[in-house]
Structure formats: structure tokens, C-alpha cells
Amino acid sequence: MSEQILKLPEVTKLTGLARSTIYKLISEERFPKQIKLTSFSSGWIKSEVEHWIDERIALSRELGAV
């Protein structure tokens, strides 16, 4: 199965995070790292971003149950 690649505007829309927040989380190793597509372009693997979102939802539900 082929993976779908998201560009930054799609990632910001999907996560609700600002560009600067995404790059900050990447530097802290708390968000999926982008992949290099060309020398001038990069993107994120959609399934990795969706998995990150699912983890945030699960964590939120666990914290809310306390």
C-alpha cells in the first residue's frame, strides 16, 4: 500500500497546530519528522501524523478520567 504525503498546510489544518509549534515539537522529538521529497520540498507521512493525533486523543481521555 502506498503512503500519502502531506505538505505543511495540510498538516497544520489536520492538527490545528501553527507552523512554529510543529517545528518546535519536531525539535523536541514529540512530533513526526518530515521526509525530504526534493532539495526544496519536504512533507509528512499521513499515517504518522494521524497516529500522533490518535495518541493525543488517547492521552487526553486518560487524563480526563483521573
Protein backbone atom coordinates (compact mmCIF):
# COMPACT_ATOMS: atom_id res chain seq x y z
CA MET A 1 0.00 0.00 0.00
CA SER A 2 1.26 3.44 -0.88
CA GLU A 3 1.61 6.11 1.80
CA GLN A 4 0.11 9.56 1.31
CA ILE A 5 2.38 12.55 1.86
CA LEU A 6 1.08 15.77 3.38
CA LYS A 7 2.52 19.23 2.85
CA LEU A 8 2.77 21.71 5.73
CA PRO A 9 -0.57 23.50 5.11
CA GLU A 10 -2.36 20.14 5.26
CA VAL A 11 -0.52 19.18 8.47
CA THR A 12 -1.42 22.48 10.14
CA LYS A 13 -5.06 22.07 9.11
CA LEU A 14 -5.21 18.44 10.25
CA THR A 15 -3.59 19.06 13.63
CA GLY A 16 -4.77 22.59 14.35
CA LEU A 17 -1.18 23.50 15.23
CA ALA A 18 0.76 26.50 13.98
CA ARG A 19 3.80 26.01 11.76
CA SER A 20 6.14 27.17 14.52
CA THR A 21 4.60 24.72 17.01
CA ILE A 22 5.01 21.82 14.61
CA TYR A 23 8.72 22.59 14.12
CA LYS A 24 9.21 23.10 17.86
CA LEU A 25 7.65 19.70 18.60
CA ILE A 26 9.81 18.09 15.90
CA SER A 27 12.94 19.56 17.51
CA GLU A 28 11.78 18.11 20.84
CA GLU A 29 11.13 14.73 19.12
CA ARG A 30 7.44 14.99 20.07
CA PHE A 31 6.01 15.13 16.51
CA PRO A 32 6.74 13.03 13.41
CA LYS A 33 9.74 14.29 11.46
CA GLN A 34 9.17 15.35 7.89
CA ILE A 35 10.72 13.50 4.96
CA LYS A 36 12.75 15.15 2.21
CA LEU A 37 10.99 14.99 -1.15
CA THR A 38 13.37 17.15 -3.20
CA SER A 39 16.14 19.57 -2.34
CA PHE A 40 13.48 22.27 -1.85
CA SER A 41 10.48 20.29 -0.62
CA SER A 42 9.50 18.11 2.31
CA GLY A 43 6.34 16.50 3.61
CA TRP A 44 4.91 14.32 6.35
CA ILE A 45 3.64 10.76 6.08
CA LYS A 46 -0.11 10.97 6.66
CA SER A 47 -0.35 7.78 8.74
CA GLU A 48 2.36 9.05 11.13
CA VAL A 49 0.54 12.35 11.64
CA GLU A 50 -2.78 10.54 12.16
CA HIS A 51 -1.11 8.21 14.68
CA TRP A 52 0.24 11.26 16.55
CA ILE A 53 -3.29 12.73 16.66
CA ASP A 54 -4.71 9.41 17.92
CA GLU A 55 -2.09 9.36 20.69
CA ARG A 56 -3.03 12.93 21.74
CA ILE A 57 -6.71 11.92 21.89
CA ALA A 58 -5.95 8.82 23.97
CA LEU A 59 -3.74 10.80 26.34
CA SER A 60 -6.41 13.47 26.72
CA ARG A 61 -9.04 10.85 27.54
CA GLU A 62 -6.75 9.20 30.11
CA LEU A 63 -6.01 12.50 31.81
CA GLY A 64 -9.68 13.42 31.77
CA ALA A 65 -10.61 10.17 33.53
CA VAL A 66 -8.49 11.00 36.59
